[in-house]
Amino acid sequence: LPQGALEPGEVLQDGQFEIVRRLAAGGQAITYLALAHKVDQESGQVVLKEFVLPVRGGIEIRKRALENVEHEAKLLQKLNNERIVKLIDCFVDNQKAYLVLEYINGKSLRNLVHDDGPVSEAEAVRLGIEMCSVLEYLHTLEPAIIHRDFTPENLLLRSTGELALIDFNVAEQLESKETKTMVGKHCYVSPEQFRGKATTQSDIYACGCTLYWLLTGKDPEPISLSQPSNERPDISVELDAIVARATVIDVSKRFASAGAMKKELEAIQVTVSQ
């Protein structure tokens, strides 16, 4: 267990939140399932995303850590889409900052394939359309938002069958032009993002890589074009071509937008479902 991790039953914010269990730890944050106790209301399940604020290193470092948390909170506040996790609140408690997020009772696409094996072509197309829809929403905002960590870990399948995108820790608004540091899980990171120049098409690359994972149960080769038919010869030529076009190295040959990729997936949805 990470040092100082909260135990089940611990309470925060004067008893407003009670820890149920730890969900995940990674990067700078730990997530917990918690019960939110509101006065005169039923207790509801929420996710607490905890960021430890450095005690050492002076005020500057602490300020930067807080700014990172605020950055994610501000981004989530702007977003209003059923395919994106909702931010409920944020607070600081005992050297730690917390985001209070909607609890999505579902499995990540990582765990879905781990537990049940690769999905059918029809289900991959359906999920691909969902993924493109959420990217289309983010990329057409003013200014556009690039997620930069669009991976099977960060896409949860709700019990209703709909997808929800989580973890906007490294998302960025496309207003700043300066080179950003490399973020993201290596297999899902486009070549241009490795060089610190992420664009909306970098998320499209990651979407193609995620489709490859769904269809094959394997992480794609880093910085390369992905073709699921190499692992599953039964994949239709059409779907194989869509994944390849989403993950092509040359950005000018990649889908120009998530909307364009979605149209192609919708065009083959009828045929693969039969």
C-alpha atoms as a PDB file:
ATOM      1  CA  LEU A   1       0.000   0.000   0.000  1.00  0.00           C
ATOM      2  CA  PRO A   2       1.253   3.506  -0.741  1.00  0.00           C
ATOM      3  CA  GLN A   3       2.413   5.221   2.409  1.00  0.00           C
ATOM      4  CA  GLY A   4      -0.335   7.196   4.074  1.00  0.00           C
ATOM      5  CA  ALA A   5      -3.089   5.553   2.019  1.00  0.00           C
ATOM      6  CA  LEU A   6      -6.532   5.849   3.575  1.00  0.00           C
ATOM      7  CA  GLU A   7      -8.119   2.797   5.176  1.00  0.00           C
ATOM      8  CA  PRO A   8     -11.749   1.707   4.797  1.00  0.00           C
ATOM      9  CA  GLY A   9     -13.910   3.499   7.366  1.00  0.00           C
ATOM     10  CA  GLU A  10     -11.750   6.617   7.564  1.00  0.00           C
ATOM     11  CA  VAL A  11     -13.662   9.862   7.223  1.00  0.00           C
ATOM     12  CA  LEU A  12     -12.776  13.206   5.613  1.00  0.00           C
ATOM     13  CA  GLN A  13     -14.199  16.719   5.542  1.00  0.00           C
ATOM     14  CA  ASP A  14     -15.810  16.481   9.012  1.00  0.00           C
ATOM     15  CA  GLY A  15     -17.486  13.175   8.253  1.00  0.00           C
ATOM     16  CA  GLN A  16     -18.886  14.149   4.858  1.00  0.00           C
ATOM     17  CA  PHE A  17     -16.989  11.350   3.132  1.00  0.00           C
ATOM     18  CA  GLU A  18     -16.328   7.823   4.355  1.00  0.00           C
ATOM     19  CA  ILE A  19     -13.746   5.638   2.583  1.00  0.00           C
ATOM     20  CA  VAL A  20     -15.118   2.292   1.358  1.00  0.00           C
ATOM     21  CA  ARG A  21     -12.042   0.931  -0.461  1.00  0.00           C
ATOM     22  CA  ARG A  22      -9.150   1.872  -2.675  1.00  0.00           C
ATOM     23  CA  LEU A  23      -9.867   1.619  -6.409  1.00  0.00           C
ATOM     24  CA  ALA A  24      -6.540   2.395  -8.054  1.00  0.00           C
ATOM     25  CA  ALA A  25      -3.210   4.099  -7.648  1.00  0.00           C
ATOM     26  CA  GLY A  26      -1.134   5.578 -10.411  1.00  0.00           C
ATOM     27  CA  GLY A  27       0.702   8.693 -11.451  1.00  0.00           C
ATOM     28  CA  GLN A  28       0.260  11.348  -8.803  1.00  0.00           C
ATOM     29  CA  ALA A  29      -3.124  10.188  -7.577  1.00  0.00           C
ATOM     30  CA  ILE A  30      -4.907   7.465  -5.641  1.00  0.00           C
ATOM     31  CA  THR A  31      -8.620   6.886  -6.191  1.00  0.00           C
ATOM     32  CA  TYR A  32     -11.024   5.625  -3.560  1.00  0.00           C
ATOM     33  CA  LEU A  33     -14.634   4.583  -3.529  1.00  0.00           C
ATOM     34  CA  ALA A  34     -16.345   6.575  -0.791  1.00  0.00           C
ATOM     35  CA  LEU A  35     -19.763   7.222   0.676  1.00  0.00           C
ATOM     36  CA  ALA A  36     -20.857  10.841   0.611  1.00  0.00           C
ATOM     37  CA  HIS A  37     -22.957  11.579   3.677  1.00  0.00           C
ATOM     38  CA  LYS A  38     -25.098  14.622   3.007  1.00  0.00           C
ATOM     39  CA  VAL A  39     -27.323  16.114   5.639  1.00  0.00           C
ATOM     40  CA  ASP A  40     -30.986  15.147   5.023  1.00  0.00           C
ATOM     41  CA  GLN A  41     -30.021  13.033   1.993  1.00  0.00           C
ATOM     42  CA  GLU A  42     -29.319   9.415   1.232  1.00  0.00           C
ATOM     43  CA  SER A  43     -25.653   8.494   1.279  1.00  0.00           C
ATOM     44  CA  GLY A  44     -24.356   8.099  -2.261  1.00  0.00           C
ATOM     45  CA  GLN A  45     -21.254   6.475  -3.679  1.00  0.00           C
ATOM     46  CA  VAL A  46     -18.618   8.789  -5.118  1.00  0.00           C
ATOM     47  CA  VAL A  47     -15.011   8.496  -6.209  1.00  0.00           C
ATOM     48  CA  LEU A  48     -12.410  10.504  -4.334  1.00  0.00           C
ATOM     49  CA  LYS A  49      -9.284  11.210  -6.342  1.00  0.00           C
ATOM     50  CA  GLU A  50      -6.520  12.093  -3.931  1.00  0.00           C
ATOM     51  CA  PHE A  51      -3.405  14.095  -4.759  1.00  0.00           C
ATOM     52  CA  VAL A  52      -0.704  14.298  -2.122  1.00  0.00           C
ATOM     53  CA  LEU A  53       0.599  17.848  -1.799  1.00  0.00           C
ATOM     54  CA  PRO A  54       4.356  17.793  -1.161  1.00  0.00           C
ATOM     55  CA  VAL A  55       5.238  18.948   2.341  1.00  0.00           C
ATOM     56  CA  ARG A  56       8.928  19.403   1.553  1.00  0.00           C
ATOM     57  CA  GLY A  57      10.308  21.486  -1.280  1.00  0.00           C
ATOM     58  CA  GLY A  58       8.762  24.751  -0.237  1.00  0.00           C
ATOM     59  CA  ILE A  59       5.748  26.763  -1.186  1.00  0.00           C
ATOM     60  CA  GLU A  60       6.472  26.814  -4.942  1.00  0.00           C
ATOM     61  CA  ILE A  61       6.272  23.040  -5.384  1.00  0.00           C
ATOM     62  CA  ARG A  62       3.150  22.854  -3.258  1.00  0.00           C
ATOM     63  CA  LYS A  63       1.586  25.622  -5.318  1.00  0.00           C
ATOM     64  CA  ARG A  64       2.358  23.773  -8.547  1.00  0.00           C
ATOM     65  CA  ALA A  65       0.817  20.562  -7.200  1.00  0.00           C
ATOM     66  CA  LEU A  66      -2.348  22.447  -6.265  1.00  0.00           C
ATOM     67  CA  GLU A  67      -2.444  24.077  -9.699  1.00  0.00           C
ATOM     68  CA  ASN A  68      -2.413  20.612 -11.307  1.00  0.00           C
ATOM     69  CA  VAL A  69      -5.438  19.578  -9.274  1.00  0.00           C
ATOM     70  CA  GLU A  70      -7.225  22.834 -10.061  1.00  0.00           C
ATOM     71  CA  HIS A  71      -6.385  22.362 -13.747  1.00  0.00           C
ATOM     72  CA  GLU A  72      -8.186  19.011 -13.857  1.00  0.00           C
ATOM     73  CA  ALA A  73     -11.094  20.356 -11.799  1.00  0.00           C
ATOM     74  CA  LYS A  74     -11.531  23.392 -14.083  1.00  0.00           C
ATOM     75  CA  LEU A  75     -11.435  21.247 -17.201  1.00  0.00           C
ATOM     76  CA  LEU A  76     -14.037  18.843 -15.822  1.00  0.00           C
ATOM     77  CA  GLN A  77     -16.283  21.732 -14.766  1.00  0.00           C
ATOM     78  CA  LYS A  78     -16.434  22.885 -18.392  1.00  0.00           C
ATOM     79  CA  LEU A  79     -17.414  19.486 -19.696  1.00  0.00           C
ATOM     80  CA  ASN A  80     -21.003  18.435 -19.818  1.00  0.00           C
ATOM     81  CA  ASN A  81     -21.402  15.149 -21.604  1.00  0.00           C
ATOM     82  CA  GLU A  82     -22.853  11.838 -20.463  1.00  0.00           C
ATOM     83  CA  ARG A  83     -19.738  10.101 -21.810  1.00  0.00           C
ATOM     84  CA  ILE A  84     -17.428  12.025 -19.461  1.00  0.00           C
ATOM     85  CA  VAL A  85     -17.102  11.494 -15.712  1.00  0.00           C
ATOM     86  CA  LYS A  86     -18.776  14.296 -13.751  1.00  0.00           C
ATOM     87  CA  LEU A  87     -16.974  16.448 -11.206  1.00  0.00           C
ATOM     88  CA  ILE A  88     -19.045  16.955  -8.061  1.00  0.00           C
ATOM     89  CA  ASP A  89     -16.685  18.951  -5.844  1.00  0.00           C
ATOM     90  CA  CYS A  90     -13.086  19.507  -4.788  1.00  0.00           C
ATOM     91  CA  PHE A  91     -11.490  20.219  -1.405  1.00  0.00           C
ATOM     92  CA  VAL A  92      -8.192  20.170   0.499  1.00  0.00           C
ATOM     93  CA  ASP A  93      -7.867  18.102   3.679  1.00  0.00           C
ATOM     94  CA  ASN A  94      -4.729  17.363   5.691  1.00  0.00           C
ATOM     95  CA  GLN A  95      -1.952  18.036   3.104  1.00  0.00           C
ATOM     96  CA  LYS A  96      -3.970  16.357   0.378  1.00  0.00           C
ATOM     97  CA  ALA A  97      -6.217  17.694  -2.371  1.00  0.00           C
ATOM     98  CA  TYR A  98      -9.295  15.779  -3.521  1.00  0.00           C
ATOM     99  CA  LEU A  99     -11.567  15.742  -6.515  1.00  0.00           C
ATOM    100  CA  VAL A 100     -15.018  14.318  -5.799  1.00  0.00           C
ATOM    101  CA  LEU A 101     -16.182  12.508  -8.929  1.00  0.00           C
ATOM    102  CA  GLU A 102     -19.254  10.629 -10.014  1.00  0.00           C
ATOM    103  CA  TYR A 103     -18.862   6.898  -9.294  1.00  0.00           C
ATOM    104  CA  ILE A 104     -19.195   4.886 -12.482  1.00  0.00           C
ATOM    105  CA  ASN A 105     -20.083   1.327 -11.677  1.00  0.00           C
ATOM    106  CA  GLY A 106     -18.381  -0.302 -14.610  1.00  0.00           C
ATOM    107  CA  LYS A 107     -15.330  -2.055 -15.958  1.00  0.00           C
ATOM    108  CA  SER A 108     -12.477  -0.415 -17.809  1.00  0.00           C
ATOM    109  CA  LEU A 109     -11.921  -1.621 -21.354  1.00  0.00           C
ATOM    110  CA  ARG A 110      -8.602  -2.961 -20.041  1.00  0.00           C
ATOM    111  CA  ASN A 111     -10.370  -5.203 -17.513  1.00  0.00           C
ATOM    112  CA  LEU A 112     -13.200  -6.076 -19.884  1.00  0.00           C
ATOM    113  CA  VAL A 113     -10.782  -7.744 -22.314  1.00  0.00           C
ATOM    114  CA  HIS A 114      -8.621  -9.147 -19.491  1.00  0.00           C
ATOM    115  CA  ASP A 115     -11.647 -10.885 -17.985  1.00  0.00           C
ATOM    116  CA  ASP A 116     -13.677 -11.861 -21.033  1.00  0.00           C
ATOM    117  CA  GLY A 117     -11.215 -11.889 -23.925  1.00  0.00           C
ATOM    118  CA  PRO A 118     -11.342  -9.825 -27.134  1.00  0.00           C
ATOM    119  CA  VAL A 119     -14.743  -8.446 -28.144  1.00  0.00           C
ATOM    120  CA  SER A 120     -16.720  -9.275 -31.277  1.00  0.00           C
ATOM    121  CA  GLU A 121     -16.291  -7.121 -34.341  1.00  0.00           C
ATOM    122  CA  ALA A 122     -19.821  -5.721 -33.934  1.00  0.00           C
ATOM    123  CA  GLU A 123     -19.108  -4.729 -30.305  1.00  0.00           C
ATOM    124  CA  ALA A 124     -15.760  -3.183 -31.292  1.00  0.00           C
ATOM    125  CA  VAL A 125     -17.505  -1.061 -33.927  1.00  0.00           C
ATOM    126  CA  ARG A 126     -20.179  -0.003 -31.416  1.00  0.00           C
ATOM    127  CA  LEU A 127     -17.553   0.970 -28.844  1.00  0.00           C
ATOM    128  CA  GLY A 128     -15.483   2.675 -31.547  1.00  0.00           C
ATOM    129  CA  ILE A 129     -18.458   4.879 -32.419  1.00  0.00           C
ATOM    130  CA  GLU A 130     -18.873   5.736 -28.707  1.00  0.00           C
ATOM    131  CA  MET A 131     -15.162   6.590 -28.448  1.00  0.00           C
ATOM    132  CA  CYS A 132     -15.305   8.803 -31.531  1.00  0.00           C
ATOM    133  CA  SER A 133     -18.401  10.566 -30.151  1.00  0.00           C
ATOM    134  CA  VAL A 134     -16.659  11.589 -26.937  1.00  0.00           C
ATOM    135  CA  LEU A 135     -13.546  12.708 -28.854  1.00  0.00           C
ATOM    136  CA  GLU A 136     -15.688  14.666 -31.291  1.00  0.00           C
ATOM    137  CA  TYR A 137     -17.259  16.465 -28.310  1.00  0.00           C
ATOM    138  CA  LEU A 138     -13.859  17.327 -26.764  1.00  0.00           C
ATOM    139  CA  HIS A 139     -12.205  18.312 -30.024  1.00  0.00           C
ATOM    140  CA  THR A 140     -14.988  20.640 -31.162  1.00  0.00           C
ATOM    141  CA  LEU A 141     -15.038  22.665 -27.932  1.00  0.00           C
ATOM    142  CA  GLU A 142     -13.609  26.182 -28.069  1.00  0.00           C
ATOM    143  CA  PRO A 143     -10.701  25.851 -27.451  1.00  0.00           C
ATOM    144  CA  ALA A 144     -10.441  22.153 -28.304  1.00  0.00           C
ATOM    145  CA  ILE A 145      -9.437  19.781 -25.520  1.00  0.00           C
ATOM    146  CA  ILE A 146      -6.975  16.966 -26.223  1.00  0.00           C
ATOM    147  CA  HIS A 147      -7.246  14.148 -23.698  1.00  0.00           C
ATOM    148  CA  ARG A 148      -3.678  12.833 -24.270  1.00  0.00           C
ATOM    149  CA  ASP A 149      -4.270   9.658 -22.252  1.00  0.00           C
ATOM    150  CA  PHE A 150      -7.073   7.976 -24.216  1.00  0.00           C
ATOM    151  CA  THR A 151      -6.427   4.351 -23.233  1.00  0.00           C
ATOM    152  CA  PRO A 152      -8.300   1.174 -22.247  1.00  0.00           C
ATOM    153  CA  GLU A 153      -7.618   2.074 -18.579  1.00  0.00           C
ATOM    154  CA  ASN A 154      -9.401   5.405 -18.871  1.00  0.00           C
ATOM    155  CA  LEU A 155     -12.519   4.224 -20.698  1.00  0.00           C
ATOM    156  CA  LEU A 156     -15.131   2.652 -18.440  1.00  0.00           C
ATOM    157  CA  LEU A 157     -18.085   0.657 -19.690  1.00  0.00           C
ATOM    158  CA  ARG A 158     -21.160   1.595 -17.670  1.00  0.00           C
ATOM    159  CA  SER A 159     -23.675  -1.127 -16.787  1.00  0.00           C
ATOM    160  CA  THR A 160     -25.932   0.466 -19.439  1.00  0.00           C
ATOM    161  CA  GLY A 161     -23.337  -0.380 -22.102  1.00  0.00           C
ATOM    162  CA  GLU A 162     -22.302   3.236 -22.626  1.00  0.00           C
ATOM    163  CA  LEU A 163     -18.724   4.394 -22.330  1.00  0.00           C
ATOM    164  CA  ALA A 164     -17.427   7.009 -19.918  1.00  0.00           C
ATOM    165  CA  LEU A 165     -14.058   8.716 -20.188  1.00  0.00           C
ATOM    166  CA  ILE A 166     -12.119   9.412 -16.992  1.00  0.00           C
ATOM    167  CA  ASP A 167      -8.797  10.931 -15.926  1.00  0.00           C
ATOM    168  CA  PHE A 168      -8.261  14.409 -17.300  1.00  0.00           C
ATOM    169  CA  ASN A 169      -5.035  14.760 -15.349  1.00  0.00           C
ATOM    170  CA  VAL A 170      -2.908  15.348 -18.436  1.00  0.00           C
ATOM    171  CA  ALA A 171      -5.540  16.725 -20.784  1.00  0.00           C
ATOM    172  CA  GLU A 172      -4.695  20.079 -22.249  1.00  0.00           C
ATOM    173  CA  GLN A 173      -6.495  22.888 -23.952  1.00  0.00           C
ATOM    174  CA  LEU A 174      -5.222  23.665 -27.383  1.00  0.00           C
ATOM    175  CA  GLU A 175      -4.425  27.288 -26.713  1.00  0.00           C
ATOM    176  CA  SER A 176      -0.855  26.972 -25.527  1.00  0.00           C
ATOM    177  CA  LYS A 177       1.695  26.478 -28.260  1.00  0.00           C
ATOM    178  CA  GLU A 178       4.724  25.635 -26.143  1.00  0.00           C
ATOM    179  CA  THR A 179       6.098  22.100 -26.229  1.00  0.00           C
ATOM    180  CA  LYS A 180       4.607  19.911 -23.559  1.00  0.00           C
ATOM    181  CA  THR A 181       6.266  17.004 -21.848  1.00  0.00           C
ATOM    182  CA  MET A 182       5.485  13.487 -23.001  1.00  0.00           C
ATOM    183  CA  VAL A 183       2.581  11.877 -21.222  1.00  0.00           C
ATOM    184  CA  GLY A 184       0.467   8.820 -21.786  1.00  0.00           C
ATOM    185  CA  LYS A 185       0.953   5.067 -21.832  1.00  0.00           C
ATOM    186  CA  HIS A 186       3.617   4.333 -24.399  1.00  0.00           C
ATOM    187  CA  CYS A 187       1.731   1.875 -26.625  1.00  0.00           C
ATOM    188  CA  TYR A 188      -1.132   4.346 -27.050  1.00  0.00           C
ATOM    189  CA  VAL A 189       0.945   7.461 -27.656  1.00  0.00           C
ATOM    190  CA  SER A 190       1.242   8.805 -31.189  1.00  0.00           C
ATOM    191  CA  PRO A 191       4.690   9.577 -32.611  1.00  0.00           C
ATOM    192  CA  GLU A 192       4.038  13.331 -32.599  1.00  0.00           C
ATOM    193  CA  GLN A 193       2.897  13.209 -28.956  1.00  0.00           C
ATOM    194  CA  PHE A 194       6.172  11.464 -28.064  1.00  0.00           C
ATOM    195  CA  ARG A 195       7.875  14.544 -29.466  1.00  0.00           C
ATOM    196  CA  GLY A 196       5.704  16.724 -27.195  1.00  0.00           C
ATOM    197  CA  LYS A 197       3.419  17.992 -29.983  1.00  0.00           C
ATOM    198  CA  ALA A 198       0.037  16.444 -29.253  1.00  0.00           C
ATOM    199  CA  THR A 199      -2.897  17.411 -31.499  1.00  0.00           C
ATOM    200  CA  THR A 200      -6.507  16.256 -31.717  1.00  0.00           C
ATOM    201  CA  GLN A 201      -5.236  13.585 -34.144  1.00  0.00           C
ATOM    202  CA  SER A 202      -3.070  12.175 -31.340  1.00  0.00           C
ATOM    203  CA  ASP A 203      -6.304  11.175 -29.567  1.00  0.00           C
ATOM    204  CA  ILE A 204      -7.506   9.567 -32.823  1.00  0.00           C
ATOM    205  CA  TYR A 205      -4.307   7.502 -32.895  1.00  0.00           C
ATOM    206  CA  ALA A 206      -4.974   6.380 -29.302  1.00  0.00           C
ATOM    207  CA  CYS A 207      -8.566   5.534 -30.265  1.00  0.00           C
ATOM    208  CA  GLY A 208      -7.277   3.277 -33.075  1.00  0.00           C
ATOM    209  CA  CYS A 209      -4.853   1.631 -30.635  1.00  0.00           C
ATOM    210  CA  THR A 210      -7.707   1.034 -28.175  1.00  0.00           C
ATOM    211  CA  LEU A 211      -9.761  -0.615 -30.936  1.00  0.00           C
ATOM    212  CA  TYR A 212      -6.756  -2.852 -31.635  1.00  0.00           C
ATOM    213  CA  TRP A 213      -6.677  -3.837 -27.944  1.00  0.00           C
ATOM    214  CA  LEU A 214     -10.419  -4.581 -27.938  1.00  0.00           C
ATOM    215  CA  LEU A 215     -10.130  -6.795 -31.024  1.00  0.00           C
ATOM    216  CA  THR A 216      -6.910  -8.647 -30.200  1.00  0.00           C
ATOM    217  CA  GLY A 217      -6.404  -8.518 -26.438  1.00  0.00           C
ATOM    218  CA  LYS A 218      -2.869  -7.283 -27.081  1.00  0.00           C
ATOM    219  CA  ASP A 219      -1.345  -3.858 -26.619  1.00  0.00           C
ATOM    220  CA  PRO A 220      -0.244  -2.467 -29.972  1.00  0.00           C
ATOM    221  CA  GLU A 221       3.422  -2.067 -30.892  1.00  0.00           C
ATOM    222  CA  PRO A 222       4.558   1.395 -29.800  1.00  0.00           C
ATOM    223  CA  ILE A 223       4.847   4.015 -32.559  1.00  0.00           C
ATOM    224  CA  SER A 224       3.607   1.812 -35.340  1.00  0.00           C
ATOM    225  CA  LEU A 225       0.597   1.281 -37.536  1.00  0.00           C
ATOM    226  CA  SER A 226      -1.810  -1.265 -35.994  1.00  0.00           C
ATOM    227  CA  GLN A 227      -3.647  -3.906 -38.001  1.00  0.00           C
ATOM    228  CA  PRO A 228      -5.806  -6.255 -35.967  1.00  0.00           C
ATOM    229  CA  SER A 229      -6.001  -8.720 -38.892  1.00  0.00           C
ATOM    230  CA  ASN A 230      -2.393  -9.730 -38.149  1.00  0.00           C
ATOM    231  CA  GLU A 231      -3.680 -11.266 -34.902  1.00  0.00           C
ATOM    232  CA  ARG A 232      -7.232 -12.094 -36.002  1.00  0.00           C
ATOM    233  CA  PRO A 233      -7.467 -13.004 -39.695  1.00  0.00           C
ATOM    234  CA  ASP A 234     -11.283 -13.092 -39.419  1.00  0.00           C
ATOM    235  CA  ILE A 235     -11.474  -9.288 -38.970  1.00  0.00           C
ATOM    236  CA  SER A 236     -13.214  -7.608 -41.902  1.00  0.00           C
ATOM    237  CA  VAL A 237     -11.051  -5.713 -44.377  1.00  0.00           C
ATOM    238  CA  GLU A 238     -13.123  -2.584 -43.676  1.00  0.00           C
ATOM    239  CA  LEU A 239     -12.588  -2.526 -39.905  1.00  0.00           C
ATOM    240  CA  ASP A 240      -8.929  -3.445 -40.328  1.00  0.00           C
ATOM    241  CA  ALA A 241      -8.516  -0.468 -42.670  1.00  0.00           C
ATOM    242  CA  ILE A 242     -10.189   1.919 -40.189  1.00  0.00           C
ATOM    243  CA  VAL A 243      -7.833   0.880 -37.366  1.00  0.00           C
ATOM    244  CA  ALA A 244      -4.853   1.179 -39.717  1.00  0.00           C
ATOM    245  CA  ARG A 245      -5.914   4.624 -40.911  1.00  0.00           C
ATOM    246  CA  ALA A 246      -6.407   5.833 -37.329  1.00  0.00           C
ATOM    247  CA  THR A 247      -2.905   4.674 -36.357  1.00  0.00           C
ATOM    248  CA  VAL A 248      -0.944   5.644 -39.460  1.00  0.00           C
ATOM    249  CA  ILE A 249       2.325   7.385 -38.538  1.00  0.00           C
ATOM    250  CA  ASP A 250       1.961  10.173 -41.101  1.00  0.00           C
ATOM    251  CA  VAL A 251      -0.616  12.533 -39.564  1.00  0.00           C
ATOM    252  CA  SER A 252      -1.700  13.795 -43.002  1.00  0.00           C
ATOM    253  CA  LYS A 253      -2.909  10.269 -43.846  1.00  0.00           C
ATOM    254  CA  ARG A 254      -4.699   9.751 -40.518  1.00  0.00           C
ATOM    255  CA  PHE A 255      -8.393  10.581 -40.072  1.00  0.00           C
ATOM    256  CA  ALA A 256      -8.620  14.373 -39.999  1.00  0.00           C
ATOM    257  CA  SER A 257     -11.232  14.302 -37.226  1.00  0.00           C
ATOM    258  CA  ALA A 258     -12.998  11.970 -34.816  1.00  0.00           C
ATOM    259  CA  GLY A 259     -16.200  12.777 -36.721  1.00  0.00           C
ATOM    260  CA  ALA A 260     -14.681  11.442 -39.949  1.00  0.00           C
ATOM    261  CA  MET A 261     -13.607   8.227 -38.216  1.00  0.00           C
ATOM    262  CA  LYS A 262     -17.068   7.871 -36.665  1.00  0.00           C
ATOM    263  CA  LYS A 263     -18.728   8.141 -40.108  1.00  0.00           C
ATOM    264  CA  GLU A 264     -16.572   5.290 -41.430  1.00  0.00           C
ATOM    265  CA  LEU A 265     -17.426   3.115 -38.425  1.00  0.00           C
ATOM    266  CA  GLU A 266     -21.142   3.883 -38.810  1.00  0.00           C
ATOM    267  CA  ALA A 267     -20.928   2.957 -42.483  1.00  0.00           C
ATOM    268  CA  ILE A 268     -19.746  -0.585 -41.648  1.00  0.00           C
ATOM    269  CA  GLN A 269     -21.896  -1.030 -38.537  1.00  0.00           C
ATOM    270  CA  VAL A 270     -24.781  -2.623 -40.467  1.00  0.00           C
ATOM    271  CA  THR A 271     -22.611  -5.153 -42.292  1.00  0.00           C
ATOM    272  CA  VAL A 272     -20.568  -6.310 -39.261  1.00  0.00           C
ATOM    273  CA  SER A 273     -23.689  -6.786 -37.144  1.00  0.00           C
ATOM    274  CA  GLN A 274     -25.155  -9.348 -39.500  1.00  0.00           C
END
